Protein backbone atom coordinates (compact mmCIF):
# COMPACT_ATOMS: atom_id res chain seq x y z
CA MET A 1 27.97 -8.59 -93.74
CA ASP A 2 24.21 -9.12 -94.49
CA ILE A 3 24.55 -12.88 -93.76
CA ALA A 4 26.01 -12.15 -90.32
CA LYS A 5 23.13 -9.77 -89.57
CA ILE A 6 20.52 -12.37 -90.52
CA ALA A 7 22.26 -15.00 -88.37
CA ILE A 8 22.31 -12.65 -85.28
CA ARG A 9 18.76 -11.68 -85.75
CA GLY A 10 17.59 -15.33 -86.05
CA SER A 11 19.67 -16.27 -82.94
CA THR A 12 17.98 -13.52 -80.92
CA GLN A 13 14.49 -14.41 -81.96
CA GLU A 14 14.93 -18.01 -80.98
CA HIS A 15 15.37 -16.83 -77.48
CA LEU A 16 12.21 -14.84 -77.22
CA GLU A 17 8.88 -16.48 -76.35
CA ILE A 18 7.00 -14.02 -78.48
CA ALA A 19 5.98 -15.27 -82.00
CA ASP A 20 4.06 -12.24 -83.16
CA ILE A 21 2.33 -9.09 -82.09
CA ARG A 22 -0.89 -8.66 -84.08
CA ASP A 23 -4.52 -7.67 -83.71
CA ASP A 24 -3.83 -5.98 -80.34
CA MET A 25 -2.69 -9.14 -78.81
CA VAL A 26 0.65 -10.92 -78.14
CA LEU A 27 1.08 -14.29 -79.69
CA MET A 28 3.39 -16.78 -78.04
CA LYS A 29 5.35 -19.59 -79.72
CA ASP A 30 3.42 -22.35 -77.69
CA GLY A 31 0.09 -21.03 -78.94
CA SER A 32 -0.93 -19.03 -75.88
CA VAL A 33 -2.08 -15.36 -76.27
CA ALA A 34 -2.09 -12.44 -73.90
CA MET A 35 -4.06 -9.21 -74.01
CA VAL A 36 -2.57 -6.17 -72.13
CA ILE A 37 -4.65 -3.49 -70.28
CA GLN A 38 -2.85 -0.35 -69.01
CA VAL A 39 -4.35 1.00 -65.81
CA SER A 40 -3.98 4.34 -64.33
CA ALA A 41 -3.02 4.79 -60.52
CA VAL A 42 -4.76 6.49 -57.54
CA ASN A 43 -2.90 8.12 -54.74
CA PHE A 44 -4.70 6.10 -52.05
CA GLY A 45 -2.94 8.10 -49.15
CA LEU A 46 -4.51 11.41 -50.29
CA LEU A 47 -8.13 10.02 -50.25
CA SER A 48 -10.52 10.59 -47.26
CA GLU A 49 -11.35 7.64 -44.96
CA LYS A 50 -14.70 7.15 -46.71
CA GLU A 51 -13.05 7.21 -50.20
CA GLN A 52 -10.49 4.78 -49.09
CA GLU A 53 -13.20 2.45 -47.76
CA ALA A 54 -15.15 2.76 -51.07
CA ILE A 55 -11.97 1.99 -53.10
CA ILE A 56 -11.18 -1.19 -50.74
CA PHE A 57 -14.76 -2.36 -51.22
CA ALA A 58 -14.68 -1.96 -55.01
CA TYR A 59 -11.34 -3.66 -55.19
CA ALA A 60 -12.56 -6.50 -53.18
CA GLY A 61 -15.59 -6.81 -55.61
CA LEU A 62 -13.23 -7.02 -58.48
CA LEU A 63 -11.16 -9.81 -56.98
CA ASN A 64 -14.42 -11.81 -55.88
CA SER A 65 -15.88 -11.32 -59.41
CA LEU A 66 -13.02 -13.08 -61.19
CA ASN A 67 -13.56 -16.60 -62.27
CA PHE A 68 -10.45 -16.60 -64.48
CA ALA A 69 -6.77 -15.93 -63.91
CA VAL A 70 -5.20 -12.64 -64.49
CA GLN A 71 -1.70 -11.20 -63.98
CA ILE A 72 -0.78 -7.80 -62.52
CA VAL A 73 2.37 -6.13 -63.71
CA ILE A 74 3.93 -3.15 -62.10
CA ARG A 75 6.89 -1.68 -64.29
CA SER A 76 9.15 0.83 -62.92
CA GLN A 77 11.47 3.17 -65.06
CA ARG A 78 13.67 5.87 -64.19
CA LYS A 79 12.17 9.19 -65.24
CA ASP A 80 13.82 11.21 -67.87
CA ILE A 81 13.64 14.91 -66.93
CA SER A 82 16.50 16.11 -69.23
CA HIS A 83 14.01 17.92 -71.35
CA TYR A 84 12.44 19.64 -68.41
CA VAL A 85 15.78 20.77 -67.09
CA SER A 86 16.68 21.97 -70.50
CA LEU A 87 13.62 24.13 -70.85
CA LEU A 88 14.46 25.61 -67.31
CA GLY A 89 17.81 26.46 -68.72
CA GLN A 90 16.44 28.10 -71.74
CA GLU A 91 13.97 30.28 -69.45
CA GLU A 92 16.81 31.15 -67.28
CA GLU A 93 18.87 32.49 -70.32
CA LYS A 94 15.86 34.45 -71.67
CA GLN A 95 14.96 35.97 -68.30
CA THR A 96 15.84 39.67 -67.96
CA ASN A 97 14.66 40.08 -64.43
CA PRO A 98 17.75 39.38 -62.20
CA LEU A 99 15.57 38.16 -59.21
CA LEU A 100 13.50 35.73 -61.47
CA LYS A 101 16.77 34.68 -63.25
CA ASP A 102 18.18 33.74 -59.87
CA GLN A 103 15.13 31.86 -58.71
CA ILE A 104 15.05 29.79 -61.95
CA LYS A 105 18.73 29.03 -61.41
CA LYS A 106 18.07 27.87 -57.83
CA TYR A 107 14.94 25.69 -58.85
CA ARG A 108 16.96 24.11 -61.71
CA GLY A 109 19.70 23.27 -59.28
CA PHE A 110 17.16 21.90 -56.74
CA ILE A 111 15.75 19.64 -59.38
CA LEU A 112 19.33 18.31 -60.45
CA GLN A 113 20.22 17.63 -56.90
CA THR A 114 16.89 15.84 -56.19
CA VAL A 115 17.48 13.58 -59.04
CA LYS A 116 21.08 12.97 -58.19
CA GLU A 117 20.18 11.94 -54.59
CA ASN A 118 16.97 9.91 -55.44
CA ASN A 119 15.76 7.84 -58.13
CA VAL A 120 12.81 9.52 -59.83
CA LEU A 121 10.68 6.48 -60.92
CA ASP A 122 7.82 6.43 -63.28
CA LYS A 123 5.53 3.35 -62.52
CA LYS A 124 3.09 1.99 -64.96
CA PHE A 125 0.45 -0.68 -64.10
CA TYR A 126 -0.81 -3.45 -66.41
CA ILE A 127 -3.39 -6.20 -66.19
CA ILE A 128 -2.69 -9.28 -68.45
CA ILE A 129 -5.38 -11.49 -69.56
CA PRO A 130 -4.02 -14.77 -70.77
CA PHE A 131 -5.32 -17.39 -73.17
CA SER A 132 -3.36 -20.63 -72.53
CA SER A 133 -2.47 -23.36 -75.10
CA LEU A 134 -4.58 -25.65 -72.94
CA GLU A 135 -7.71 -23.57 -73.84
CA LEU A 136 -6.47 -23.83 -77.51
CA GLY A 137 -6.57 -27.59 -77.15
CA VAL A 138 -2.81 -27.96 -77.34
CA GLY A 139 -1.23 -29.54 -74.28
CA SER A 140 2.52 -29.76 -73.28
CA THR A 141 2.92 -33.02 -75.38
CA ALA A 142 6.22 -34.18 -76.73
CA GLY A 143 5.05 -33.14 -80.17
CA GLY A 144 4.08 -29.74 -78.92
CA LEU A 145 7.56 -29.22 -77.46
CA VAL A 146 9.14 -30.27 -80.77
CA LYS A 147 7.08 -27.71 -82.69
CA ARG A 148 7.95 -25.02 -80.18
CA LYS A 149 11.65 -25.71 -80.58
CA ASN A 150 11.32 -25.43 -84.30
CA ASN A 151 9.46 -21.96 -83.74
CA THR A 152 6.33 -23.41 -85.32
CA LEU A 153 2.94 -22.51 -83.99
CA PRO A 154 0.78 -25.50 -83.05
CA LEU A 155 -2.05 -24.05 -85.25
CA PRO A 156 -2.34 -21.38 -87.78
CA ALA A 157 -1.93 -17.87 -86.34
CA ASP A 158 -5.27 -16.77 -87.64
CA THR A 159 -6.98 -19.66 -85.97
CA ILE A 160 -5.36 -19.00 -82.56
CA ILE A 161 -6.02 -15.32 -82.56
CA GLU A 162 -9.70 -15.95 -83.34
CA LYS A 163 -10.02 -18.50 -80.65
CA ALA A 164 -8.29 -16.24 -78.27
CA ARG A 165 -10.38 -13.19 -79.22
CA VAL A 166 -13.55 -15.15 -78.52
CA ALA A 167 -12.39 -16.19 -75.03
CA ILE A 168 -10.62 -13.03 -73.96
CA LEU A 169 -13.09 -10.16 -74.96
CA PRO A 170 -15.77 -10.92 -72.42
CA LYS A 171 -13.13 -11.03 -69.82
CA ARG A 172 -11.68 -7.72 -70.91
CA ASP A 173 -15.13 -6.05 -70.80
CA HIS A 174 -15.76 -7.41 -67.37
CA ILE A 175 -12.39 -6.14 -66.08
CA LEU A 176 -13.02 -2.69 -67.61
CA ARG A 177 -16.34 -2.41 -66.03
CA GLN A 178 -14.90 -3.37 -62.52
CA LEU A 179 -11.95 -0.89 -62.89
CA GLY A 180 -14.56 1.88 -63.75
CA ARG A 181 -16.03 1.21 -60.27
CA LEU A 182 -12.67 1.95 -58.83
CA THR A 183 -12.49 5.25 -60.74
CA LEU A 184 -9.46 4.08 -62.61
CA ARG A 185 -8.90 4.82 -66.27
CA ALA A 186 -7.89 1.65 -68.22
CA LYS A 187 -7.44 0.89 -71.85
CA GLN A 188 -6.31 -2.13 -74.04
CA LEU A 189 -3.00 -1.65 -75.51
CA GLY A 190 -3.09 -1.77 -79.34
CA THR A 191 -0.57 -3.45 -81.65
CA ALA A 192 1.75 -0.39 -81.98
CA GLU A 193 1.76 0.24 -78.32
CA LEU A 194 2.50 -3.41 -77.48
CA ILE A 195 5.42 -3.34 -79.85
CA GLU A 196 6.79 -0.21 -78.21
CA LEU A 197 6.34 -1.72 -74.79
CA PHE A 198 8.24 -4.87 -75.53
CA TYR A 199 10.93 -3.00 -77.37
CA GLU A 200 11.59 -1.00 -74.19
CA ILE A 201 11.50 -4.25 -72.05
CA TYR A 202 13.87 -6.14 -74.17
CA ASN A 203 16.39 -3.23 -74.86
CA LYS A 204 18.58 -1.66 -72.16
CA LYS A 205 17.24 1.70 -73.38
CA GLY A 206 13.66 2.42 -74.31
CA ALA A 207 12.52 3.90 -77.63
CA ASN A 208 13.14 7.60 -76.34
CA GLY A 209 16.60 6.58 -75.13
CA VAL A 210 15.71 6.53 -71.38
CA PRO A 211 17.44 3.73 -69.52
CA THR A 212 14.96 1.21 -68.19
CA THR A 213 14.98 -0.74 -64.94
CA ASP A 214 16.37 -4.21 -64.77
CA ALA A 215 13.93 -7.14 -65.04
CA LYS A 216 14.25 -7.85 -61.31
CA ASN A 217 12.44 -4.59 -60.65
CA VAL A 218 9.49 -5.67 -62.54
CA SER A 219 6.86 -7.17 -60.09
CA PHE A 220 4.50 -9.87 -61.16
CA GLU A 221 1.60 -11.21 -59.19
CA LYS A 222 -0.81 -13.91 -60.47
CA MET A 223 -4.39 -13.90 -59.05
CA THR A 224 -6.64 -16.85 -59.37
CA PRO A 225 -10.24 -16.99 -58.21
């Protein structure tokens, strides 16, 4: 039984491009590295005309300031409201006022009907800062492909991470400053947060048991200067 589990685990890992997640970065098998920044959203439609113009101007400044490639990821998940509905049910049971009890019941029914008729989605936004194997000095040579098939990094992991950190940190700081001009909250995901994120992506259900959307619903856009 243990041998079978080990074999299955090894087979699964061979199909993943990720070699390790450490030091708040994602290390890929080809020696490339990625840093993930999670960014808040703003309801553009609720802003005044002047506020919209300021946001557009600041966003244009962000794009024009980039002299390196980044990737924007928009990830949609179906929102889990079962806990909220359960709380409403508990409040309904505890309520002694018949009028309030009926209002809570109708509201809970409205929420359930809304979820039934519409997909309630939770969208999260990420900016990915890559460090390619070319920057590492490792090209797509035949030798590099052989190493990748053998799941062997082209250089020691510590060396790759250190080189990536030197290259990525100034880019991260620049993007955080520009996002601040957009009045957006942004933070670099730590190791534990990255592990949880990729666990949810590669599993049909997330860590909290909520079904995630299919990969086709994940939007990627690469921006180059």
